[in-house]
Structures are given as structure tokens and as C-alpha cells.
Amino acid sequence: MGEINNLKPSFLSSDGSLAVHAGERLCREINTTSITTPVVNTTTYFFKNTSELVDFKEQRIVCHEYTRYGSPTTMVLEEKISALEGAESTLVVASGMCAISVMLLALVPTNGHIVTTTDCYKETRMIMETFLPKLGITVTMIDSDDTARLEAVVNDHNVSMFFTESPTNPFLRCVDIKLVSEICHKRGTLALGADLILQSGTKYIGGHNDVLAGCISGSTKLISKIRILHQLLGGTLNPNAAYLLIRSMKTMHLRVKQHNSNALRMAQVLEAHPKVSRVYYPGLPSHPEHLIAKRQMTGFGGLVTFEVAGDLKTTIKFVDSLKIPYIATSFGGCESFVDQPATRNWDVPREERLKYELKDNLVRFSFGIEDFDDIKADVLQALDTI
């Protein structure tokens, strides 16, 4: 379930149109004339007779059996994401971390070896450093632009998987996906050569800070392996959450344009400000992978990381002086969020934070879709207080 027969209908030529209609206009299995996709709130499904059950088990018919294995509502969401990613199949799950965990467990064998980047989401690193070694799985961490090191590791180890974010978290480093795919293998199934695309649906796909979700897209062969383990572990996305994501995706192309615009313009403002010592944003020419970002991204995202020209207390004063953004983690929602990694990770010893360059004056700012002039005025006023 979740595979699609027609990724891009001829009359849907843009991502914006696909986000609105894919998975619904032509191939929605729910028999209704409703414009919006119905939420099918049931835990299980019945068969008319034993013959129908046997036909289902022997894959002569496609239907649903139990919501932990999928539902008509989540199937629509999976088909919509597959169409946008140009993938054969997509699996949606209960959170981004659920997606990462089930993918690693399903595809990396005991005693396997993973290569990943040093700049990555903290909880991803925790799984790789603390849990996977219990299964005999080893991990090599490299800098995001160290392709020579990647090539050496691939040559010296039986590498099971190269896993990376792009842009990374929190420094927004951009990995040359095409190049690393060529290093790891000579064939790829998705647009830039990657075998799988994993996303936290909680962020821009959801876009309203009201639903947790994760998704993995790729070939039917790989997604089927992950789906089997997912059905055993049970990190199921509720049909109501699937509906919220379907609804949100119809405006995603409009929202993301505003995120991109606000963040790029504010990154330029911040980089020119004397009370900001450094800005990390792929849309700026000063970013080390700016050319890579221009080549493989159609926008640079709503997240800007920067360093305030000051110490911990100065940075706290700046954060507390802001009026528009919430002091909160996550990003990708309509509202702006601001996050100071030093205080967000207060329970982590300072020397440990500094090992990952989480300096006291570092700020992660997720720019929402508010009016740009309002955001700019708020940030400048807050900087004036320090």
C-alpha cells in the first residue's frame, strides 16, 4: 500500500499543483465526491467473505486490513508525497525520529557500518552513538564537505548506509547529494541520486505546529522492507494527523515561498549588522556551500543560524527582547520561533556543547510567514538592546 501508478499526471506540471491534487484527483480509493479527503477513523476493516480475505492475502486485490498497517487517509498522503518526491513509494509514520529509527533498523544489518556528518540533529546522533552500537553497528562521522574522507571510508569499510541532512542542523551545511551518491554507488533512484528521502513532516509539510509526522520516500523495494518493520513496531500515523498534513500540503508551496523570502532577507540584514558576528545561511554568498545550495535547492529555507556579538548573557537579553517569535524548538510553522542552543541544551555540560560548536552566543531563528517589515523591526529593536 502507498505505491502509485501515475506519479505526475500530464496536466500537473508544477510542485504547487502536485501538492494540491496528487493522490486525490485521480486515484483516491475512497468512493466519494467530497473535495477534501475523508478521515477514515477506524482501527480495523472487515472482509465480505473468506474468499475476499484470501484474495487480499495473495495480493489479487488491494484493500485495508488494520490501521497499524495503513488506512485510506494515510495512503492519500503517501501518494501525494511520492508524487512530489518523484518516488515510487512513501511510508508515513508517527514522527521524524520514528522515521529515522525504523529506517536504520530495517536497512542496516547487525555489524553494519554507517557514515554520517558531524553536524546533525542531536537525537539522530544519540541513536547512532548510544543505541546502534548495541547491535554491533559502527558509525563514522565526517565533516559535511569532506568527500575525500567519505571516499576513503567507503573503500576501507563495508558501508551499509551514508546518512546525511542537507541543509544540516543547526549550521545549515549543504551536502553535494549528487557527488556523494556517485561516491557511494553509480546508480540512484531519485532526482539527485539518493536512494531514500526522509523528512520530518512536523516541519514545513505540516506547517502549522499542530501535528507530528515523519515520512520516507524511495523505491518500492526499499520502502517495502522498512514498511514491514514499521508494521511490527507500530509507530503509526493517526488518520486525523494524515488529514491535517494533506490539508497543509495544499498551501505548502505558498507558505514555503514566504519562509524562504523572509529568511533570505533577514539573513542579509543580520550579516550587515555590527552586533551579529556571523550568519549561517545557504542563501548567502558567504556560506561555504552557497554554490551547491543554488544548484540543488529551489529556495534556501526559513531557518537562519547566527552568532550574536556577545556572551551568554548578552544573547539571552537579545532573545528575551524579541516580541514576535516564540522561544521554542522545531521550525517550519507559520509562527516564528527563536532558539538559543546553549540554553536549550542547558542540561548538557558546556564543554560537551562546545565540542559540537554550540557556542553561548549561537541563535537559531526559524522565520515564519509574518510580514517581513514586522519581523525586521522586531529583530533590529532587540539587537539595539544589547
Protein backbone atom coordinates (compact mmCIF):
# COMPACT_ATOMS: atom_id res chain seq x y z
CA MET A 1 0.00 0.00 0.00
CA GLY A 2 1.17 3.52 -0.65
CA GLU A 3 2.58 2.89 -4.14
CA ILE A 4 1.29 4.95 -7.03
CA ASN A 5 0.84 4.16 -10.68
CA ASN A 6 0.95 7.66 -12.10
CA LEU A 7 3.46 9.93 -10.37
CA LYS A 8 2.86 13.06 -12.41
CA PRO A 9 -0.31 13.36 -14.46
CA SER A 10 0.30 15.31 -17.66
CA PHE A 11 -1.87 18.23 -16.56
CA LEU A 12 0.05 18.70 -13.28
CA SER A 13 3.40 20.15 -14.25
CA SER A 14 4.49 22.00 -11.09
CA ASP A 15 5.17 21.08 -7.49
CA GLY A 16 2.47 23.54 -6.40
CA SER A 17 -0.19 21.77 -8.46
CA LEU A 18 1.02 18.34 -7.33
CA ALA A 19 0.84 19.44 -3.69
CA VAL A 20 -2.85 20.30 -4.19
CA HIS A 21 -4.05 17.40 -6.37
CA ALA A 22 -1.62 14.45 -6.27
CA GLY A 23 -3.04 11.35 -4.60
CA GLU A 24 -6.58 12.74 -4.64
CA ARG A 25 -7.76 13.97 -8.05
CA LEU A 26 -7.24 10.75 -9.97
CA CYS A 27 -6.51 7.79 -7.72
CA ARG A 28 -8.12 8.27 -4.34
CA GLU A 29 -9.59 4.91 -3.42
CA ILE A 30 -12.32 6.33 -1.14
CA ASN A 31 -15.55 6.40 -3.14
CA THR A 32 -16.91 9.91 -2.56
CA THR A 33 -17.44 13.15 -4.44
CA SER A 34 -16.09 15.16 -1.50
CA ILE A 35 -13.37 17.68 -2.48
CA THR A 36 -11.50 17.08 0.76
CA THR A 37 -10.15 13.66 1.62
CA PRO A 38 -12.32 11.97 4.28
CA VAL A 39 -10.77 10.92 7.58
CA VAL A 40 -11.36 7.19 7.98
CA ASN A 41 -11.46 6.74 11.76
CA THR A 42 -11.43 3.01 12.27
CA THR A 43 -9.00 0.61 13.84
CA THR A 44 -9.81 -2.32 11.59
CA TYR A 45 -11.59 -3.32 8.34
CA PHE A 46 -13.87 -6.23 7.51
CA PHE A 47 -13.94 -8.65 4.57
CA LYS A 48 -17.20 -9.66 2.91
CA ASN A 49 -16.22 -13.32 2.99
CA THR A 50 -13.24 -15.63 3.39
CA SER A 51 -12.63 -15.66 -0.37
CA GLU A 52 -12.07 -11.90 -0.32
CA LEU A 53 -9.66 -12.25 2.62
CA VAL A 54 -7.67 -14.89 0.74
CA ASP A 55 -7.60 -12.71 -2.39
CA PHE A 56 -6.18 -9.89 -0.27
CA LYS A 57 -3.54 -12.12 1.32
CA GLU A 58 -2.49 -13.43 -2.09
CA GLN A 59 -2.33 -9.82 -3.40
CA ARG A 60 -5.01 -10.21 -6.05
CA ILE A 61 -6.89 -7.25 -4.59
CA VAL A 62 -5.77 -4.10 -2.74
CA CYS A 63 -7.68 -3.11 0.37
CA HIS A 64 -7.08 -2.43 4.06
CA GLU A 65 -6.93 -4.82 6.98
CA TYR A 66 -5.83 -2.97 10.12
CA THR A 67 -4.95 0.71 10.65
CA ARG A 68 -1.49 -0.09 12.03
CA TYR A 69 -0.79 -1.36 8.50
CA GLY A 70 -2.26 1.72 6.80
CA SER A 71 -5.54 3.48 6.05
CA PRO A 72 -7.22 5.14 3.04
CA THR A 73 -6.41 8.57 4.51
CA THR A 74 -2.72 7.87 5.09
CA MET A 75 -2.50 6.27 1.64
CA VAL A 76 -3.58 9.57 0.05
CA LEU A 77 -0.86 11.38 1.99
CA GLU A 78 1.77 8.83 0.94
CA GLU A 79 0.78 9.16 -2.72
CA LYS A 80 0.91 12.95 -2.55
CA ILE A 81 4.41 12.92 -1.05
CA SER A 82 5.59 10.30 -3.57
CA ALA A 83 4.41 12.48 -6.46
CA LEU A 84 6.30 15.49 -5.13
CA GLU A 85 9.47 13.48 -4.49
CA GLY A 86 9.34 11.59 -7.79
CA ALA A 87 9.48 8.38 -5.76
CA GLU A 88 7.84 5.00 -6.33
CA SER A 89 6.64 4.70 -2.75
CA THR A 90 6.38 6.59 0.55
CA LEU A 91 5.84 5.45 4.13
CA VAL A 92 4.42 7.93 6.63
CA VAL A 93 4.97 7.34 10.35
CA ALA A 94 4.28 8.97 13.70
CA SER A 95 7.29 11.34 13.83
CA GLY A 96 10.55 12.24 12.13
CA MET A 97 12.54 10.34 14.77
CA CYS A 98 10.30 7.31 14.23
CA ALA A 99 11.15 7.50 10.53
CA ILE A 100 14.90 7.67 11.22
CA SER A 101 14.78 4.82 13.74
CA VAL A 102 12.73 2.39 11.67
CA MET A 103 14.78 3.12 8.53
CA LEU A 104 18.09 2.43 10.31
CA LEU A 105 16.81 -0.72 11.98
CA ALA A 106 15.27 -2.07 8.78
CA LEU A 107 18.16 -1.42 6.42
CA VAL A 108 21.40 -1.55 8.42
CA PRO A 109 22.36 -5.13 9.32
CA THR A 110 23.95 -6.28 12.56
CA ASN A 111 27.66 -5.37 12.42
CA GLY A 112 26.89 -2.89 9.64
CA HIS A 113 28.65 0.44 9.21
CA ILE A 114 27.09 3.90 8.81
CA VAL A 115 28.72 7.12 7.65
CA THR A 116 27.12 10.39 8.70
CA THR A 117 28.05 14.04 9.23
CA THR A 118 29.22 15.63 12.47
CA ASP A 119 26.68 18.44 12.15
CA CYS A 120 23.34 16.71 12.55
CA TYR A 121 20.24 16.63 14.72
CA LYS A 122 21.20 15.83 18.32
CA GLU A 123 18.78 12.94 18.74
CA THR A 124 19.91 11.34 15.47
CA ARG A 125 23.47 11.45 16.76
CA MET A 126 22.34 9.98 20.11
CA ILE A 127 20.75 6.97 18.38
CA MET A 128 23.87 6.37 16.31
CA GLU A 129 26.30 6.80 19.21
CA THR A 130 24.42 5.09 22.05
CA PHE A 131 21.85 2.63 20.66
CA LEU A 132 23.16 1.26 17.36
CA PRO A 133 26.49 0.06 18.87
CA LYS A 134 24.41 -2.35 20.99
CA LEU A 135 23.52 -4.04 17.70
CA GLY A 136 27.15 -4.15 16.63
CA ILE A 137 26.63 -1.24 14.20
CA THR A 138 29.56 1.16 13.94
CA VAL A 139 29.43 4.80 12.83
CA THR A 140 31.96 7.10 11.17
CA MET A 141 31.27 10.83 11.38
CA ILE A 142 32.78 13.14 8.79
CA ASP A 143 32.57 16.83 8.00
CA SER A 144 29.75 17.59 5.58
CA ASP A 145 32.13 18.70 2.81
CA ASP A 146 34.83 16.07 3.34
CA THR A 147 34.13 13.92 0.30
CA ALA A 148 37.71 12.63 0.29
CA ARG A 149 37.15 11.19 3.77
CA LEU A 150 33.85 9.69 2.62
CA GLU A 151 35.55 8.01 -0.32
CA ALA A 152 38.25 6.61 1.97
CA VAL A 153 35.70 5.20 4.43
CA VAL A 154 33.67 3.65 1.61
CA ASN A 155 36.83 2.00 0.29
CA ASP A 156 38.02 0.79 3.70
CA HIS A 157 34.73 -0.40 5.22
CA ASN A 158 31.73 -2.39 4.13
CA VAL A 159 29.49 0.68 4.40
CA SER A 160 25.80 -0.11 4.76
CA MET A 161 24.49 3.46 4.56
CA PHE A 162 25.50 7.07 4.15
CA PHE A 163 23.02 9.20 6.09
CA THR A 164 23.01 12.98 5.97
CA GLU A 165 20.86 16.05 6.39
CA SER A 166 21.06 18.82 3.82
CA PRO A 167 20.98 21.52 4.99
CA THR A 168 22.33 20.21 8.28
CA ASN A 169 21.17 21.13 11.76
CA PRO A 170 22.00 23.67 13.16
CA PHE A 171 24.73 25.12 10.90
CA LEU A 172 22.88 24.60 7.61
CA ARG A 173 25.80 22.98 5.79
CA CYS A 174 24.82 21.69 2.35
CA VAL A 175 25.94 18.26 1.20
CA ASP A 176 26.59 17.75 -2.50
CA ILE A 177 23.99 14.99 -2.87
CA LYS A 178 24.87 14.13 -6.45
CA LEU A 179 28.58 13.82 -5.69
CA VAL A 180 28.21 11.70 -2.55
CA SER A 181 25.73 9.47 -4.39
CA GLU A 182 28.31 8.89 -7.13
CA ILE A 183 30.90 8.04 -4.49
CA CYS A 184 28.61 5.59 -2.70
CA HIS A 185 27.25 3.95 -5.84
CA LYS A 186 26.92 4.52 -9.54
CA ARG A 187 23.13 4.44 -9.63
CA GLY A 188 20.36 6.34 -7.90
CA THR A 189 16.60 6.16 -7.98
CA LEU A 190 15.66 9.73 -7.04
CA ALA A 191 16.25 13.09 -8.64
CA LEU A 192 19.71 13.80 -7.19
CA GLY A 193 20.89 10.20 -6.90
CA ALA A 194 19.85 9.43 -3.32
CA ASP A 195 18.14 6.10 -2.61
CA LEU A 196 15.86 7.46 0.11
CA ILE A 197 14.49 10.84 1.16
CA LEU A 198 13.50 11.18 4.80
CA GLN A 199 11.61 14.15 6.18
CA SER A 200 10.10 15.35 9.41
CA GLY A 201 6.53 16.06 8.34
CA THR A 202 6.25 18.06 11.55
CA LYS A 203 8.13 20.93 9.92
CA TYR A 204 7.22 22.51 6.55
CA ILE A 205 4.87 19.74 5.38
CA GLY A 206 2.70 20.18 8.47
CA GLY A 207 3.49 23.85 8.61
CA HIS A 208 1.15 24.81 11.48
CA ASN A 209 2.86 23.40 14.58
CA ASP A 210 -0.09 21.09 15.23
CA VAL A 211 0.94 17.62 14.05
CA LEU A 212 3.89 15.24 14.44
CA ALA A 213 4.85 13.04 11.49
CA GLY A 214 7.72 11.59 9.51
CA CYS A 215 8.00 10.17 6.01
CA ILE A 216 10.43 8.10 3.97
CA SER A 217 10.31 8.04 0.15
CA GLY A 218 12.18 5.83 -2.30
CA SER A 219 11.91 2.68 -4.36
CA THR A 220 9.13 0.20 -3.69
CA LYS A 221 11.78 -2.40 -2.85
CA LEU A 222 13.40 -0.36 -0.08
CA ILE A 223 10.20 1.16 1.30
CA SER A 224 8.60 -2.28 1.48
CA LYS A 225 11.45 -3.51 3.72
CA ILE A 226 11.00 -0.51 6.01
CA ARG A 227 7.20 -0.86 5.96
CA ILE A 228 7.34 -4.46 7.19
CA LEU A 229 9.36 -3.48 10.28
CA HIS A 230 7.24 -0.37 10.81
CA GLN A 231 4.09 -2.51 10.96
CA LEU A 232 5.73 -4.63 13.67
CA LEU A 233 6.95 -1.68 15.74
CA GLY A 234 3.69 0.21 15.40
CA GLY A 235 4.71 3.88 15.11
CA THR A 236 1.50 4.51 13.17
CA LEU A 237 0.37 7.93 11.97
CA ASN A 238 -3.20 8.58 13.08
CA PRO A 239 -5.65 9.19 10.17
CA ASN A 240 -6.59 12.56 11.71
CA ALA A 241 -2.93 13.62 11.58
CA ALA A 242 -2.74 12.40 7.97
CA TYR A 243 -5.72 14.60 7.12
CA LEU A 244 -4.03 17.64 8.69
CA LEU A 245 -0.93 17.00 6.59
CA ILE A 246 -2.95 16.57 3.38
CA ARG A 247 -4.70 19.86 4.12
CA SER A 248 -1.41 21.63 4.90
CA MET A 249 0.37 20.41 1.78
CA LYS A 250 -2.14 22.20 -0.44
CA THR A 251 -0.73 25.55 0.71
CA MET A 252 2.86 24.41 1.25
CA HIS A 253 4.24 25.95 -1.95
CA LEU A 254 2.81 29.34 -0.95
CA ARG A 255 3.98 29.12 2.66
CA VAL A 256 7.50 28.00 1.80
CA LYS A 257 7.95 30.89 -0.61
CA GLN A 258 7.25 33.28 2.26
CA HIS A 259 9.54 31.36 4.63
CA ASN A 260 12.32 31.50 2.03
CA SER A 261 11.81 35.19 1.32
CA ASN A 262 11.69 36.26 4.97
CA ALA A 263 14.73 34.19 5.92
CA LEU A 264 16.89 35.31 2.99
CA ARG A 265 16.12 38.98 3.51
CA MET A 266 16.69 38.72 7.26
CA ALA A 267 19.96 36.81 6.76
CA GLN A 268 21.16 39.72 4.63
CA VAL A 269 20.08 42.21 7.33
CA LEU A 270 21.78 40.20 10.08
CA GLU A 271 25.02 39.74 8.16
CA ALA A 272 25.32 43.50 7.74
CA HIS A 273 24.57 44.28 11.40
CA PRO A 274 27.52 45.18 13.68
CA LYS A 275 26.05 43.27 16.65
CA VAL A 276 25.97 40.00 14.69
CA SER A 277 29.36 38.34 14.31
CA ARG A 278 28.46 35.51 11.90
CA VAL A 279 25.49 34.25 9.91
CA TYR A 280 24.97 30.69 8.66
CA TYR A 281 22.50 30.59 5.75
CA PRO A 282 22.87 28.75 2.40
CA GLY A 283 21.34 31.69 0.50
CA LEU A 284 24.26 33.99 1.37
CA PRO A 285 27.36 34.06 -0.90
CA SER A 286 29.45 33.85 2.30
CA HIS A 287 28.10 30.37 3.05
CA PRO A 288 30.74 27.71 2.24
CA GLU A 289 28.29 25.64 0.15
CA HIS A 290 26.37 28.50 -1.41
CA LEU A 291 27.02 27.25 -4.96
CA ILE A 292 25.92 23.72 -4.04
CA ALA A 293 22.76 25.12 -2.47
CA LYS A 294 22.00 27.17 -5.59
CA ARG A 295 22.42 24.09 -7.74
CA GLN A 296 20.27 21.63 -5.76
CA MET A 297 17.75 23.83 -3.91
CA THR A 298 14.92 25.98 -5.29
CA GLY A 299 14.84 28.02 -2.07
CA PHE A 300 17.10 28.23 0.96
CA GLY A 301 14.60 27.57 3.75
CA GLY A 302 13.20 29.55 6.63
CA LEU A 303 15.90 28.74 9.19
CA VAL A 304 18.81 31.11 9.88
CA THR A 305 21.54 30.40 12.41
CA PHE A 306 23.76 33.26 13.61
CA GLU A 307 26.10 34.37 16.35
CA VAL A 308 25.42 37.46 18.42
CA ALA A 309 28.45 39.65 19.09
CA GLY A 310 28.47 38.95 22.82
CA ASP A 311 28.42 36.32 25.54
CA LEU A 312 25.73 34.07 27.01
CA LYS A 313 24.00 36.84 28.98
CA THR A 314 24.07 39.24 26.02
CA THR A 315 22.49 36.61 23.79
CA ILE A 316 19.83 35.80 26.39
CA LYS A 317 18.99 39.52 26.56
CA PHE A 318 18.58 39.64 22.78
CA VAL A 319 16.34 36.56 22.74
CA ASP A 320 14.20 37.84 25.61
CA SER A 321 13.79 41.24 23.91
CA LEU A 322 12.15 39.73 20.82
CA LYS A 323 8.36 40.13 20.71
CA ILE A 324 7.23 38.19 17.61
CA PRO A 325 8.97 34.80 17.80
CA TYR A 326 8.17 32.20 20.42
CA ILE A 327 11.08 30.78 22.40
CA ALA A 328 10.54 27.23 21.23
CA THR A 329 12.20 24.35 19.44
CA SER A 330 11.25 22.99 15.98
CA PHE A 331 10.70 25.09 12.85
CA GLY A 332 8.69 25.28 9.64
CA GLY A 333 5.45 26.58 11.13
CA CYS A 334 3.60 29.79 10.31
CA GLU A 335 4.86 31.39 13.52
CA SER A 336 8.47 32.49 14.00
CA PHE A 337 10.50 30.57 16.61
CA VAL A 338 13.80 31.53 18.23
CA ASP A 339 16.08 29.03 19.93
CA GLN A 340 19.38 29.55 21.79
CA PRO A 341 21.13 26.14 21.67
CA ALA A 342 23.17 26.87 24.82
CA THR A 343 20.03 27.27 26.94
CA ARG A 344 18.04 24.68 25.02
CA ASN A 345 20.79 22.16 25.90
CA TRP A 346 21.36 23.55 29.41
CA ASP A 347 21.44 20.01 30.82
CA VAL A 348 24.46 19.22 28.61
CA PRO A 349 27.86 20.28 30.08
CA ARG A 350 29.26 23.39 28.38
CA GLU A 351 32.43 21.59 27.24
CA GLU A 352 30.24 18.96 25.58
CA ARG A 353 28.18 21.66 23.82
CA LEU A 354 31.32 23.38 22.58
CA LYS A 355 32.55 20.08 21.12
CA TYR A 356 29.71 20.47 18.61
CA GLU A 357 30.29 24.25 18.25
CA LEU A 358 27.11 25.11 20.17
CA LYS A 359 28.54 28.38 21.44
CA ASP A 360 26.91 30.51 24.13
CA ASN A 361 26.12 33.25 21.58
CA LEU A 362 24.58 30.97 18.94
CA VAL A 363 20.97 31.63 17.89
CA ARG A 364 18.71 29.52 15.67
CA PHE A 365 15.87 31.58 14.24
CA SER A 366 13.01 29.98 12.30
CA PHE A 367 11.37 32.76 10.32
CA GLY A 368 7.64 32.25 9.90
CA ILE A 369 5.29 33.78 7.38
CA GLU A 370 4.59 37.03 9.26
CA ASP A 371 5.02 40.35 7.45
CA PHE A 372 8.72 40.92 6.74
CA ASP A 373 8.74 44.53 7.92
CA ASP A 374 7.30 43.49 11.29
CA ILE A 375 9.93 40.78 11.74
CA LYS A 376 12.76 43.09 10.68
CA ALA A 377 11.67 45.85 13.07
CA ASP A 378 11.39 43.37 15.94
CA VAL A 379 14.86 41.89 15.37
CA LEU A 380 16.53 45.29 14.98
CA GLN A 381 14.89 46.62 18.14
CA ALA A 382 16.07 43.54 20.06
CA LEU A 383 19.62 43.99 18.76
CA ASP A 384 19.52 47.62 19.88
CA THR A 385 19.01 46.47 23.48
CA ILE A 386 22.40 44.71 23.65
